[in-house]
Protein backbone atom coordinates (compact mmCIF):
# COMPACT_ATOMS: atom_id res chain seq x y z
CA UNK A 1 -58.65 30.01 100.85
CA UNK A 2 -61.26 31.02 103.17
CA UNK A 3 -63.73 28.37 104.59
CA UNK A 4 -66.50 28.14 101.79
CA UNK A 5 -70.47 27.88 102.64
CA UNK A 6 -72.19 25.09 101.64
CA UNK A 7 -75.65 26.07 100.05
CA UNK A 8 -78.41 22.92 99.90
CA UNK A 9 -81.33 23.97 97.40
CA UNK A 10 -83.29 20.35 97.74
CA UNK A 11 -81.06 17.49 96.18
CA UNK A 12 -78.67 20.58 94.59
CA UNK A 13 -75.56 21.18 96.46
CA UNK A 14 -72.72 24.15 95.94
CA UNK A 15 -70.30 26.23 97.89
CA UNK A 16 -69.68 29.97 97.67
CA UNK A 17 -67.32 32.50 99.55
CA UNK A 18 -70.13 33.91 101.46
CA UNK A 19 -74.20 33.14 102.17
CA UNK A 20 -76.49 34.17 99.88
CA UNK A 21 -79.98 34.00 99.30
CA UNK A 22 -81.27 31.79 97.29
CA UNK A 23 -85.04 31.55 97.98
CA UNK A 24 -86.10 33.47 95.37
CA UNK A 25 -84.97 30.59 92.86
CA UNK A 26 -86.41 27.95 94.91
CA UNK A 27 -89.72 29.98 94.73
CA UNK A 28 -89.26 30.06 90.77
CA UNK A 29 -88.98 26.53 90.37
CA UNK A 30 -87.59 22.99 90.99
CA UNK A 31 -83.90 23.40 91.10
CA UNK A 32 -82.81 20.36 89.45
CA UNK A 33 -78.37 21.13 88.52
CA UNK A 34 -75.73 23.22 88.95
CA UNK A 35 -72.91 24.29 87.18
CA UNK A 36 -70.87 26.47 90.06
CA UNK A 37 -67.21 26.54 88.87
CA UNK A 38 -67.18 28.90 86.17
CA UNK A 39 -64.79 31.61 87.14
CA UNK A 40 -66.87 34.38 85.48
CA UNK A 41 -68.93 35.27 88.75
CA UNK A 42 -72.20 34.18 87.18
CA UNK A 43 -73.89 30.65 89.07
CA UNK A 44 -76.11 29.25 86.62
CA UNK A 45 -78.86 26.38 87.30
CA UNK A 46 -81.05 23.93 85.70
CA UNK A 47 -84.51 24.72 86.86
CA UNK A 48 -88.13 23.10 86.08
CA UNK A 49 -90.40 25.69 86.15
CA UNK A 50 -94.29 25.09 85.56
CA UNK A 51 -93.51 21.53 83.86
CA UNK A 52 -90.62 23.28 81.35
CA UNK A 53 -86.47 22.73 82.56
CA UNK A 54 -84.92 26.07 81.96
CA UNK A 55 -81.25 26.97 82.62
CA UNK A 56 -81.03 30.17 84.65
CA UNK A 57 -78.07 32.43 84.64
CA UNK A 58 -77.18 34.29 87.63
CA UNK A 59 -74.91 37.13 88.98
CA UNK A 60 -74.48 38.96 92.51
CA UNK A 61 -73.31 35.72 94.58
CA UNK A 62 -69.81 35.26 95.34
CA UNK A 63 -68.72 32.10 93.95
CA UNK A 64 -65.88 30.27 94.78
CA UNK A 65 -63.52 30.62 91.36
CA UNK A 66 -64.66 34.38 90.60
CA UNK A 67 -61.80 36.86 91.52
CA UNK A 68 -63.48 40.20 90.80
CA UNK A 69 -66.10 42.00 92.41
CA UNK A 70 -69.93 40.87 91.98
CA UNK A 71 -71.80 43.91 91.15
CA UNK A 72 -69.02 43.72 87.94
CA UNK A 73 -70.24 40.00 87.57
CA UNK A 74 -73.86 42.08 87.66
CA UNK A 75 -73.28 44.41 85.36
CA UNK A 76 -72.25 41.95 82.84
CA UNK A 77 -74.87 39.76 82.54
CA UNK A 78 -77.55 42.77 82.57
CA UNK A 79 -75.39 44.53 79.84
CA UNK A 80 -75.75 40.90 77.56
CA UNK A 81 -79.05 40.66 77.75
CA UNK A 82 -80.02 42.94 74.34
CA UNK A 83 -76.89 40.67 72.96
CA UNK A 84 -79.32 37.51 73.19
CA UNK A 85 -82.41 39.54 72.18
CA UNK A 86 -79.72 41.55 69.38
CA UNK A 87 -78.05 38.34 67.81
CA UNK A 88 -80.83 35.76 68.60
CA UNK A 89 -80.65 32.99 65.89
CA UNK A 90 -81.33 29.03 65.67
CA UNK A 91 -77.95 28.13 66.61
CA UNK A 92 -77.84 30.59 69.96
CA UNK A 93 -79.48 29.51 73.41
CA UNK A 94 -82.71 31.31 73.24
CA UNK A 95 -84.13 33.69 76.08
CA UNK A 96 -86.86 33.64 77.77
CA UNK A 97 -87.02 36.04 80.45
CA UNK A 98 -84.75 38.07 82.91
CA UNK A 99 -85.36 39.87 85.66
CA UNK A 100 -83.44 42.21 89.08
CA UNK A 101 -83.59 40.66 91.96
CA UNK A 102 -82.47 42.78 95.45
CA UNK A 103 -79.08 41.63 95.52
CA UNK A 104 -78.36 40.29 91.97
CA UNK A 105 -79.68 39.92 88.29
CA UNK A 106 -81.22 36.27 86.79
CA UNK A 107 -81.18 35.59 83.00
CA UNK A 108 -83.55 32.31 81.94
CA UNK A 109 -82.94 30.40 78.87
CA UNK A 110 -84.71 27.71 77.15
CA UNK A 111 -83.03 24.13 78.52
CA UNK A 112 -80.81 22.21 75.48
CA UNK A 113 -79.55 18.72 76.31
CA UNK A 114 -76.41 19.41 75.59
CA UNK A 115 -72.71 18.96 76.74
CA UNK A 116 -70.23 21.86 76.80
CA UNK A 117 -66.95 20.68 74.19
CA UNK A 118 -64.72 21.76 77.27
CA UNK A 119 -65.84 20.68 80.58
CA UNK A 120 -62.79 21.42 81.58
CA UNK A 121 -63.64 21.16 85.55
CA UNK A 122 -64.77 17.36 85.13
CA UNK A 123 -62.10 16.61 82.14
CA UNK A 124 -59.12 19.01 82.25
CA UNK A 125 -56.44 19.97 79.91
CA UNK A 126 -54.53 16.46 80.53
CA UNK A 127 -57.54 13.96 80.02
CA UNK A 128 -60.19 15.91 77.85
CA UNK A 129 -58.51 14.58 74.81
CA UNK A 130 -58.35 10.96 75.68
CA UNK A 131 -61.27 9.89 78.66
CA UNK A 132 -63.39 8.19 77.19
CA UNK A 133 -66.34 10.80 78.74
CA UNK A 134 -64.88 13.58 77.97
CA UNK A 135 -67.27 15.22 75.60
CA UNK A 136 -64.76 17.27 73.10
CA UNK A 137 -63.07 12.83 73.26
CA UNK A 138 -66.04 11.77 72.01
CA UNK A 139 -66.88 14.77 69.69
CA UNK A 140 -63.75 14.13 67.98
CA UNK A 141 -64.04 10.14 67.07
CA UNK A 142 -67.69 11.62 65.20
CA UNK A 143 -67.18 11.34 61.15
CA UNK A 144 -65.66 14.11 59.57
CA UNK A 145 -68.44 15.37 57.74
CA UNK A 146 -70.26 15.82 61.12
CA UNK A 147 -67.75 17.90 62.89
CA UNK A 148 -67.45 19.49 59.68
CA UNK A 149 -71.36 20.39 59.98
CA UNK A 150 -70.98 21.52 63.31
CA UNK A 151 -68.23 24.33 62.35
CA UNK A 152 -70.41 25.32 59.58
CA UNK A 153 -73.71 26.45 62.12
CA UNK A 154 -70.54 28.06 64.11
CA UNK A 155 -69.26 29.82 61.39
CA UNK A 156 -72.94 30.79 59.79
CA UNK A 157 -73.82 32.60 62.98
CA UNK A 158 -70.59 34.30 63.30
CA UNK A 159 -71.78 35.74 59.81
CA UNK A 160 -74.64 36.64 61.75
CA UNK A 161 -72.85 38.26 64.36
CA UNK A 162 -70.89 40.62 61.73
CA UNK A 163 -73.85 41.54 59.91
CA UNK A 164 -74.90 42.99 62.89
CA UNK A 165 -71.87 44.79 63.74
CA UNK A 166 -70.24 42.84 66.98
CA UNK A 167 -67.00 41.10 67.71
CA UNK A 168 -67.12 38.05 68.76
CA UNK A 169 -65.13 38.04 72.56
CA UNK A 170 -64.19 34.39 75.00
CA UNK A 171 -65.40 32.56 72.43
CA UNK A 172 -63.83 28.99 72.76
CA UNK A 173 -64.67 25.17 73.06
CA UNK A 174 -66.42 26.37 76.09
CA UNK A 175 -68.84 27.91 73.92
CA UNK A 176 -70.22 25.27 72.01
CA UNK A 177 -72.79 22.50 73.13
CA UNK A 178 -73.59 19.43 71.31
CA UNK A 179 -76.49 16.82 71.71
CA UNK A 180 -74.94 13.78 70.93
CA UNK A 181 -77.98 11.72 70.11
CA UNK A 182 -79.79 13.85 68.00
CA UNK A 183 -76.61 15.38 66.70
CA UNK A 184 -77.42 19.06 67.34
CA UNK A 185 -74.89 22.14 68.54
CA UNK A 186 -75.86 25.54 69.76
CA UNK A 187 -73.44 27.88 70.94
CA UNK A 188 -74.02 29.37 74.59
CA UNK A 189 -72.00 32.25 76.90
CA UNK A 190 -71.85 35.21 74.18
CA UNK A 191 -72.04 37.94 77.16
CA UNK A 192 -68.95 39.04 76.18
CA UNK A 193 -69.66 40.18 72.42
CA UNK A 194 -68.73 43.39 71.72
CA UNK A 195 -70.34 46.32 69.19
CA UNK A 196 -67.59 47.72 66.51
CA UNK A 197 -65.51 49.39 66.98
CA UNK A 198 -64.02 47.93 69.93
CA UNK A 199 -59.84 48.14 71.29
CA UNK A 200 -58.62 46.14 73.52
CA UNK A 201 -58.42 47.86 76.60
CA UNK A 202 -57.24 45.24 78.93
CA UNK A 203 -54.16 43.78 77.38
CA UNK A 204 -54.44 40.52 77.94
CA UNK A 205 -58.45 39.94 77.19
CA UNK A 206 -61.03 37.49 78.34
CA UNK A 207 -61.18 34.15 77.01
CA UNK A 208 -58.53 31.16 75.92
CA UNK A 209 -55.48 31.54 74.78
CA UNK A 210 -55.69 28.65 72.53
CA UNK A 211 -58.64 30.60 70.11
CA UNK A 212 -57.08 34.38 70.57
CA UNK A 213 -55.22 36.53 68.32
CA UNK A 214 -52.25 38.48 69.02
CA UNK A 215 -54.38 41.74 69.04
CA UNK A 216 -56.16 39.91 72.13
CA UNK A 217 -52.36 40.24 73.80
CA UNK A 218 -52.23 43.79 72.94
CA UNK A 219 -53.00 46.66 74.79
CA UNK A 220 -54.63 48.99 72.74
CA UNK A 221 -55.02 47.34 69.45
CA UNK A 222 -58.07 47.21 67.22
CA UNK A 223 -60.77 44.25 67.82
CA UNK A 224 -62.22 43.83 64.70
CA UNK A 225 -63.50 41.42 61.56
CA UNK A 226 -59.75 40.07 60.94
CA UNK A 227 -60.06 39.32 64.78
CA UNK A 228 -63.77 37.16 64.39
CA UNK A 229 -61.17 35.49 61.01
CA UNK A 230 -58.20 34.20 63.32
CA UNK A 231 -61.03 33.09 66.43
CA UNK A 232 -62.78 30.84 63.70
CA UNK A 233 -59.69 29.32 62.00
CA UNK A 234 -58.78 28.68 66.18
CA UNK A 235 -62.05 26.93 66.03
CA UNK A 236 -61.31 24.71 63.45
CA UNK A 237 -57.66 23.51 64.49
CA UNK A 238 -60.01 22.61 68.02
CA UNK A 239 -63.16 19.97 65.85
CA UNK A 240 -61.23 18.61 63.17
CA UNK A 241 -56.91 19.20 63.80
CA UNK A 242 -54.43 19.58 66.74
CA UNK A 243 -55.85 22.47 68.36
CA UNK A 244 -52.89 24.25 69.46
CA UNK A 245 -50.91 21.67 67.18
CA UNK A 246 -51.60 22.96 63.92
CA UNK A 247 -49.49 20.97 61.54
CA UNK A 248 -51.11 19.44 58.50
CA UNK A 249 -50.06 15.62 59.83
CA UNK A 250 -53.00 16.69 63.16
CA UNK A 251 -55.62 18.46 60.50
CA UNK A 252 -58.26 15.67 59.41
CA UNK A 253 -59.71 17.43 56.74
CA UNK A 254 -58.78 17.85 53.25
CA UNK A 255 -56.10 20.06 52.04
CA UNK A 256 -57.92 22.76 51.44
CA UNK A 257 -59.67 23.59 54.39
CA UNK A 258 -55.91 22.96 56.28
CA UNK A 259 -55.00 25.79 53.98
CA UNK A 260 -58.46 27.93 54.53
CA UNK A 261 -57.63 27.24 58.10
CA UNK A 262 -54.03 28.16 58.11
CA UNK A 263 -54.87 31.62 56.14
CA UNK A 264 -57.32 32.23 59.04
CA UNK A 265 -54.77 32.37 61.84
CA UNK A 266 -52.23 34.16 60.04
CA UNK A 267 -50.76 36.30 62.97
CA UNK A 268 -50.18 38.91 61.06
CA UNK A 269 -53.66 40.57 60.65
CA UNK A 270 -53.22 41.64 56.87
CA UNK A 271 -52.40 38.10 56.08
CA UNK A 272 -56.04 37.22 57.35
CA UNK A 273 -59.12 37.13 55.28
CA UNK A 274 -60.65 40.41 55.68
CA UNK A 275 -64.14 39.23 57.41
CA UNK A 276 -65.81 35.77 58.20
CA UNK A 277 -67.81 36.45 55.39
CA UNK A 278 -64.59 35.79 53.08
CA UNK A 279 -63.30 33.18 55.37
CA UNK A 280 -66.66 31.16 55.36
CA UNK A 281 -66.71 31.37 51.15
CA UNK A 282 -63.04 29.84 51.06
CA UNK A 283 -64.58 27.19 53.68
CA UNK A 284 -67.61 26.21 51.47
CA UNK A 285 -65.41 25.94 48.31
CA UNK A 286 -63.59 23.85 49.78
CA UNK A 287 -65.80 21.46 51.26
CA UNK A 288 -66.70 20.97 47.67
CA UNK A 289 -62.99 19.41 47.36
CA UNK A 290 -63.07 17.52 50.21
CA UNK A 291 -62.21 13.75 49.40
């Protein structure tokens, strides 16, 4: 690997593959944190602007984990603006501004004091399930009712996503922020959601394989409501089950909820629920049987 360039913005230090102008960020406000290890081509900052904390997502710099072209990252971030506007919801981080810069593009969101349930750089897969400081481990210690409440919010948002005629792409536990003090959840990083109809143009699509349906690995396959259903079922197994181990023994909720999650994650598309609304209706019915 080529030698990395260190960038200092007062108390915040991070590394890039090559130098980049961030004077605009210092002019915007006081930078108090950085999130520089994503592989999306974005780099993110916590910035205090006129007394309010904001979350700034930026594309254009050559970040250390990104293997692609910064121009592609800029285009994806620009394209996501309409997503955040059209899918605005109490369950989604709120976009407050977006603007073009000489060498990149920036989105500004309200700050949310939540922790990402898949902090894979701080807590990689081999320790995230067991380390006492891991947000995922701490979340799994919550009462089952609290975790099901979080799932309900995620499912409600994706019913809304389908009503708006979108499919969820690259939604995984890294897209879930949870505030442990307030028991509040927000969804972030919906940048790759697509309007229907949508076809797999990549073969292996963006996303975590733990949450991806078979069609997300198949070039030319339709990515649709049943794909969304699989994704939601996989999220259920992540938050109240054994994640990749989808056995009944690892499932922490009732049997009817387990059966709903199993149907949602059938490898054969036609065996799944037709859409997230149908899935969520079955899920809510099963909650009433919780013992």
